[in-house]
Amino acid sequence: MIAPQHRQLVLNTLRYVGWPLLVLLIYDIAVVIAYKEGYLHWAALNQIPVSLLGSVISILVAFRNTTSYARWWEARTLWGSIVNNSRSWGRQVTTVLRSPAGQDSVELRQLQQRMVYYQIAWVHALRAHLRRTDPWEDLTAFLSEEELASLRQEKNVPVAIQQRQSIVLRDVLDRGLIDALQWRAMDESLNDLVDAQGGAERIKNTPMPRQYDYLPQLCVQIFCILLPLAMGASMGWFTPLGSALVGFIFLTLDKIGRDLEDPFDNTVHDIPLTSITRTIEINLRQMLGETNLPEAVVPVRNVLW
């Protein structure tokens, strides 16, 4: 996710569509020169209702951008629920579990750590699963070698980790460390996490229909080609300025929609999953009473990963 920098707002915006805008500007200049030399008088399109065409295309591009942003925002909302439910899970594990009389409290603390570490491993694995990257380096600190070896055989690592969480939770109930009502509450937290994972996978595995990508992009390109031809007769040498300005707006809107449509694509326009999962890790390890906590993720070159 790009972190806003007001001092570089204009420069970053120009860089965002730099090459297409440069190509458009060169094309505009070539059209004006050809028109002034008399080669394109036959192609003067000042009778074409460019403003009406631009209005129609803007509606089309705005519709695609609204859909893309809805996907991006839903992804962020789902990960917000993952943050909340992970904290709820850590709170339940560290406050609800109680040792029967005479049971070693060290064993209880180890059990709590195991359950919380499973949750931390799950969020890291889910991040890697959505970005389609290798999760094993991030899981090493929270899972045993045997568990890592077993998970390498799984196709959906987050699901496999949560299956282990459920098994441990059932074992906790069988050992009398929680009662049936407490088990139900904790199981609901796991269910909410499963629902959030399913929603994120739905967004990842269901791309935008290609018509929503190709048609707006094609219409914007056609509009940018026609624009200097329509403006040349009336604006003369000022045509490149007006055409580039209007074209810049349409090119930028078109690129915004395409960048936001996949929020788990591991690009600078992503949901900041690395930052979110690190925040969850810090919060849950803090609940365990640990003090040697990792640092929060900060923007690198104005990008928060």
Protein backbone atom coordinates (compact mmCIF):
# COMPACT_ATOMS: atom_id res chain seq x y z
CA MET A 1 0.00 0.00 0.00
CA ILE A 2 1.41 3.38 -0.98
CA ALA A 3 1.77 5.70 2.02
CA PRO A 4 0.70 9.26 1.14
CA GLN A 5 3.43 11.87 0.83
CA HIS A 6 1.92 15.33 0.27
CA ARG A 7 5.24 16.92 -0.67
CA GLN A 8 5.65 14.53 -3.59
CA LEU A 9 2.00 14.18 -4.53
CA VAL A 10 2.23 15.83 -7.96
CA LEU A 11 5.53 14.14 -8.86
CA ASN A 12 4.30 10.69 -7.80
CA THR A 13 1.07 11.17 -9.71
CA LEU A 14 2.95 12.05 -12.89
CA ARG A 15 5.21 9.03 -12.43
CA TYR A 16 2.13 6.84 -12.02
CA VAL A 17 1.20 7.21 -15.71
CA GLY A 18 4.50 8.62 -16.94
CA TRP A 19 5.14 6.52 -20.04
CA PRO A 20 1.56 6.46 -21.42
CA LEU A 21 1.33 10.20 -20.80
CA LEU A 22 4.64 10.83 -22.58
CA VAL A 23 3.50 8.77 -25.58
CA LEU A 24 0.25 10.73 -25.64
CA LEU A 25 2.08 14.06 -25.53
CA ILE A 26 4.39 13.07 -28.41
CA TYR A 27 1.37 11.92 -30.40
CA ASP A 28 -0.43 15.22 -29.70
CA ILE A 29 2.55 17.23 -30.90
CA ALA A 30 2.85 15.12 -34.05
CA VAL A 31 -0.84 15.61 -34.81
CA VAL A 32 -0.59 19.39 -34.40
CA ILE A 33 2.51 19.62 -36.59
CA ALA A 34 0.89 17.48 -39.28
CA TYR A 35 -2.29 19.57 -39.07
CA LYS A 36 -0.39 22.87 -39.33
CA GLU A 37 1.53 21.56 -42.34
CA GLY A 38 -1.74 20.76 -44.03
CA TYR A 39 -1.47 16.98 -43.96
CA LEU A 40 -4.37 16.36 -41.58
CA HIS A 41 -6.95 18.94 -42.57
CA TRP A 42 -9.05 16.11 -43.92
CA ALA A 43 -8.91 14.45 -40.49
CA ALA A 44 -10.11 17.42 -38.47
CA LEU A 45 -12.85 15.95 -36.27
CA ASN A 46 -14.15 19.09 -34.63
CA GLN A 47 -17.69 18.02 -35.46
CA ILE A 48 -17.42 14.91 -33.29
CA PRO A 49 -19.07 15.43 -29.87
CA VAL A 50 -15.89 14.64 -27.92
CA SER A 51 -17.36 15.94 -24.68
CA LEU A 52 -20.29 13.53 -24.98
CA LEU A 53 -17.95 10.65 -25.79
CA GLY A 54 -15.77 11.57 -22.81
CA SER A 55 -18.81 11.63 -20.53
CA VAL A 56 -19.83 8.12 -21.58
CA ILE A 57 -16.30 6.75 -21.15
CA SER A 58 -15.95 8.43 -17.74
CA ILE A 59 -19.11 6.67 -16.55
CA LEU A 60 -17.74 3.35 -17.80
CA VAL A 61 -14.34 3.89 -16.14
CA ALA A 62 -15.97 5.11 -12.91
CA PHE A 63 -18.13 1.97 -12.76
CA ARG A 64 -15.06 -0.27 -13.17
CA ASN A 65 -13.12 1.74 -10.57
CA THR A 66 -15.99 1.52 -8.09
CA THR A 67 -16.07 -2.25 -8.50
CA SER A 68 -12.29 -2.50 -8.13
CA TYR A 69 -12.27 -0.36 -5.00
CA ALA A 70 -15.11 -2.41 -3.52
CA ARG A 71 -12.94 -5.52 -3.90
CA TRP A 72 -9.97 -3.73 -2.35
CA TRP A 73 -11.99 -2.41 0.57
CA GLU A 74 -13.70 -5.76 1.20
CA ALA A 75 -10.25 -7.35 1.37
CA ARG A 76 -9.16 -4.75 3.93
CA THR A 77 -12.37 -5.28 5.91
CA LEU A 78 -11.82 -9.05 5.97
CA TRP A 79 -8.30 -8.58 7.30
CA GLY A 80 -9.64 -6.13 9.86
CA SER A 81 -11.89 -8.91 11.14
CA ILE A 82 -8.88 -11.25 11.18
CA VAL A 83 -7.03 -8.76 13.39
CA ASN A 84 -9.98 -8.51 15.79
CA ASN A 85 -10.65 -12.24 15.97
CA SER A 86 -6.95 -13.03 16.41
CA ARG A 87 -6.86 -10.69 19.39
CA SER A 88 -10.03 -12.29 20.74
CA TRP A 89 -8.44 -15.72 20.36
CA GLY A 90 -5.30 -14.60 22.20
CA ARG A 91 -7.38 -13.06 24.98
CA GLN A 92 -9.50 -16.18 25.35
CA VAL A 93 -6.48 -18.51 25.41
CA THR A 94 -4.60 -16.46 28.00
CA THR A 95 -7.55 -15.73 30.32
CA VAL A 96 -10.07 -18.58 29.98
CA LEU A 97 -7.82 -21.63 30.33
CA ARG A 98 -7.47 -22.68 33.97
CA SER A 99 -5.36 -25.43 35.52
CA PRO A 100 -7.18 -27.99 37.65
CA ALA A 101 -6.01 -28.10 41.24
CA GLY A 102 -2.50 -29.45 41.50
CA GLN A 103 -1.68 -29.29 37.77
CA ASP A 104 1.64 -27.78 36.80
CA SER A 105 1.13 -24.16 35.67
CA VAL A 106 4.24 -24.43 33.48
CA GLU A 107 2.45 -26.98 31.34
CA LEU A 108 -0.52 -24.62 31.08
CA ARG A 109 1.68 -21.76 29.92
CA GLN A 110 3.26 -24.01 27.32
CA LEU A 111 -0.18 -25.02 26.10
CA GLN A 112 -1.26 -21.38 25.89
CA GLN A 113 1.87 -20.51 23.96
CA ARG A 114 1.26 -23.37 21.55
CA MET A 115 -2.31 -22.26 20.86
CA VAL A 116 -1.32 -18.63 20.38
CA TYR A 117 1.64 -19.57 18.20
CA TYR A 118 -0.69 -21.59 16.00
CA GLN A 119 -2.71 -18.45 15.43
CA ILE A 120 0.37 -16.38 14.59
CA ALA A 121 1.51 -19.09 12.18
CA TRP A 122 -1.96 -19.11 10.63
CA VAL A 123 -1.97 -15.40 9.77
CA HIS A 124 1.54 -15.61 8.30
CA ALA A 125 0.57 -18.68 6.30
CA LEU A 126 -2.61 -17.01 5.06
CA ARG A 127 -0.66 -13.96 3.91
CA ALA A 128 1.74 -16.17 1.95
CA HIS A 129 -1.17 -18.26 0.64
CA LEU A 130 -2.93 -15.20 -0.78
CA ARG A 131 0.24 -13.72 -2.22
CA ARG A 132 1.38 -17.16 -3.45
CA THR A 133 4.76 -16.90 -1.81
CA ASP A 134 6.81 -19.28 0.37
CA PRO A 135 5.62 -19.21 4.04
CA TRP A 136 8.18 -21.50 5.66
CA GLU A 137 10.68 -18.91 6.84
CA ASP A 138 7.97 -17.04 8.75
CA LEU A 139 6.58 -20.24 10.30
CA THR A 140 9.88 -21.56 11.64
CA ALA A 141 9.70 -19.57 14.89
CA PHE A 142 6.19 -20.80 15.76
CA LEU A 143 6.01 -24.45 14.66
CA SER A 144 8.16 -27.49 15.32
CA GLU A 145 10.23 -29.18 12.64
CA GLU A 146 7.81 -32.11 12.60
CA GLU A 147 4.84 -29.81 12.07
CA LEU A 148 6.62 -27.90 9.31
CA ALA A 149 7.50 -31.15 7.55
CA SER A 150 3.89 -32.28 7.77
CA LEU A 151 2.55 -28.95 6.49
CA ARG A 152 4.80 -29.07 3.44
CA GLN A 153 2.56 -31.86 2.14
CA GLU A 154 -0.58 -29.73 2.42
CA LYS A 155 -2.08 -27.77 -0.47
CA ASN A 156 -3.80 -25.25 1.79
CA VAL A 157 -1.44 -24.56 4.69
CA PRO A 158 -3.70 -22.12 6.61
CA VAL A 159 -6.54 -24.65 6.66
CA ALA A 160 -4.18 -27.36 7.90
CA ILE A 161 -2.92 -25.10 10.70
CA GLN A 162 -6.42 -24.25 11.82
CA GLN A 163 -7.31 -27.95 11.82
CA ARG A 164 -4.51 -28.40 14.35
CA GLN A 165 -5.89 -25.49 16.36
CA SER A 166 -9.28 -27.18 16.52
CA ILE A 167 -7.75 -30.47 17.62
CA VAL A 168 -5.84 -28.74 20.43
CA LEU A 169 -9.01 -26.90 21.47
CA ARG A 170 -10.93 -30.18 21.65
CA ASP A 171 -8.13 -31.67 23.74
CA VAL A 172 -8.31 -28.68 26.10
CA LEU A 173 -12.04 -29.35 26.55
CA ASP A 174 -11.47 -33.06 27.16
CA ARG A 175 -8.86 -32.28 29.82
CA GLY A 176 -11.28 -30.01 31.68
CA LEU A 177 -9.28 -26.81 31.19
CA ILE A 178 -12.40 -25.12 29.77
CA ASP A 179 -16.11 -25.89 29.95
CA ALA A 180 -18.55 -26.42 27.08
CA LEU A 181 -19.66 -22.77 26.95
CA GLN A 182 -16.08 -21.55 26.82
CA TRP A 183 -15.28 -24.08 24.12
CA ARG A 184 -18.23 -22.83 22.07
CA ALA A 185 -17.06 -19.21 22.35
CA MET A 186 -13.52 -20.11 21.30
CA ASP A 187 -14.76 -22.30 18.49
CA GLU A 188 -16.83 -19.36 17.21
CA SER A 189 -13.64 -17.30 17.03
CA LEU A 190 -12.10 -20.00 14.85
CA ASN A 191 -15.22 -20.11 12.69
CA ASP A 192 -15.04 -16.35 12.14
CA LEU A 193 -11.41 -16.70 11.08
CA VAL A 194 -12.37 -19.45 8.61
CA ASP A 195 -15.09 -17.20 7.17
CA ALA A 196 -12.58 -14.37 6.70
CA GLN A 197 -10.14 -16.72 4.97
CA GLY A 198 -12.90 -17.92 2.65
CA GLY A 199 -13.80 -14.33 1.76
CA ALA A 200 -10.18 -13.45 1.01
CA GLU A 201 -9.75 -16.58 -1.13
CA ARG A 202 -12.93 -15.70 -3.02
CA ILE A 203 -11.48 -12.30 -3.94
CA LYS A 204 -8.12 -13.84 -4.87
CA ASN A 205 -9.55 -16.68 -6.96
CA THR A 206 -12.29 -14.69 -8.70
CA PRO A 207 -10.64 -12.06 -10.89
CA MET A 208 -12.51 -9.18 -12.43
CA PRO A 209 -14.27 -10.19 -15.68
CA ARG A 210 -11.88 -9.43 -18.52
CA GLN A 211 -14.55 -7.31 -20.22
CA TYR A 212 -14.31 -4.87 -17.30
CA ASP A 213 -10.60 -4.56 -17.98
CA TYR A 214 -10.39 -4.56 -21.77
CA LEU A 215 -13.38 -2.41 -22.65
CA PRO A 216 -12.60 0.64 -20.45
CA GLN A 217 -8.93 0.48 -21.44
CA LEU A 218 -9.80 0.29 -25.15
CA CYS A 219 -12.29 3.14 -24.88
CA VAL A 220 -9.77 5.35 -23.08
CA GLN A 221 -7.14 4.69 -25.75
CA ILE A 222 -9.58 5.47 -28.57
CA PHE A 223 -10.64 8.65 -26.80
CA CYS A 224 -7.01 9.77 -26.37
CA ILE A 225 -6.40 9.14 -30.10
CA LEU A 226 -9.44 11.15 -31.19
CA LEU A 227 -8.97 14.01 -28.73
CA PRO A 228 -6.13 15.93 -30.45
CA LEU A 229 -7.79 15.44 -33.85
CA ALA A 230 -10.95 17.06 -32.49
CA MET A 231 -9.11 19.87 -30.68
CA GLY A 232 -6.55 20.73 -33.37
CA ALA A 233 -8.72 23.05 -35.44
CA SER A 234 -9.80 25.19 -32.47
CA MET A 235 -6.80 25.11 -30.12
CA GLY A 236 -3.90 25.02 -32.57
CA TRP A 237 -0.53 24.82 -30.83
CA PHE A 238 -2.24 24.59 -27.44
CA THR A 239 -3.72 21.23 -28.43
CA PRO A 240 -0.97 19.13 -26.76
CA LEU A 241 -1.56 20.96 -23.48
CA GLY A 242 -5.32 20.45 -23.45
CA SER A 243 -5.21 16.92 -24.86
CA ALA A 244 -2.47 15.77 -22.48
CA LEU A 245 -4.32 17.20 -19.47
CA VAL A 246 -7.61 15.50 -20.33
CA GLY A 247 -5.83 12.31 -21.40
CA PHE A 248 -3.86 12.29 -18.14
CA ILE A 249 -7.11 12.19 -16.15
CA PHE A 250 -8.53 9.29 -18.15
CA LEU A 251 -5.27 7.33 -18.20
CA THR A 252 -4.89 7.74 -14.44
CA LEU A 253 -8.44 6.62 -13.70
CA ASP A 254 -8.02 3.60 -15.96
CA LYS A 255 -4.77 2.57 -14.26
CA ILE A 256 -6.21 3.05 -10.76
CA GLY A 257 -8.99 0.58 -11.51
CA ARG A 258 -6.60 -2.04 -12.86
CA ASP A 259 -4.21 -1.65 -9.91
CA LEU A 260 -6.91 -2.05 -7.25
CA GLU A 261 -8.78 -5.01 -8.72
CA ASP A 262 -6.46 -7.61 -7.12
CA PRO A 263 -5.64 -6.56 -3.53
CA PHE A 264 -3.51 -9.69 -2.90
CA ASP A 265 -1.22 -9.42 -5.92
CA ASN A 266 1.93 -8.64 -3.88
CA THR A 267 2.44 -5.22 -5.48
CA VAL A 268 2.74 -1.72 -4.02
CA HIS A 269 -1.04 -1.38 -4.38
CA ASP A 270 -1.67 -4.42 -2.17
CA ILE A 271 -3.44 -4.55 1.14
CA PRO A 272 -0.49 -4.14 3.59
CA LEU A 273 -0.58 -7.77 4.70
CA THR A 274 2.99 -7.84 6.00
CA SER A 275 2.25 -4.91 8.29
CA ILE A 276 -1.07 -6.38 9.43
CA THR A 277 0.35 -9.83 10.20
CA ARG A 278 3.28 -8.28 12.07
CA THR A 279 0.81 -6.27 14.16
CA ILE A 280 -1.10 -9.46 15.01
CA GLU A 281 2.14 -11.21 15.95
CA ILE A 282 3.17 -8.35 18.25
CA ASN A 283 -0.24 -8.20 19.93
CA LEU A 284 -0.53 -11.95 20.55
CA ARG A 285 3.01 -12.38 21.82
CA GLN A 286 2.43 -9.43 24.13
CA MET A 287 -0.63 -11.24 25.51
CA LEU A 288 1.65 -14.16 26.37
CA GLY A 289 3.80 -11.80 28.40
CA GLU A 290 6.75 -11.84 26.01
CA THR A 291 8.94 -8.76 25.94
CA ASN A 292 11.32 -9.53 23.07
CA LEU A 293 8.86 -8.41 20.40
CA PRO A 294 9.56 -7.65 16.74
CA GLU A 295 9.33 -4.10 15.45
CA ALA A 296 6.26 -2.93 13.59
CA VAL A 297 6.56 -2.72 9.82
CA VAL A 298 7.18 0.82 8.57
CA PRO A 299 6.87 2.22 5.04
CA VAL A 300 9.87 1.65 2.78
CA ARG A 301 10.20 4.28 0.05
CA ASN A 302 6.65 5.40 0.80
CA VAL A 303 5.27 1.84 0.45
CA LEU A 304 3.79 -0.09 3.38
CA TRP A 305 3.94 -3.82 2.67
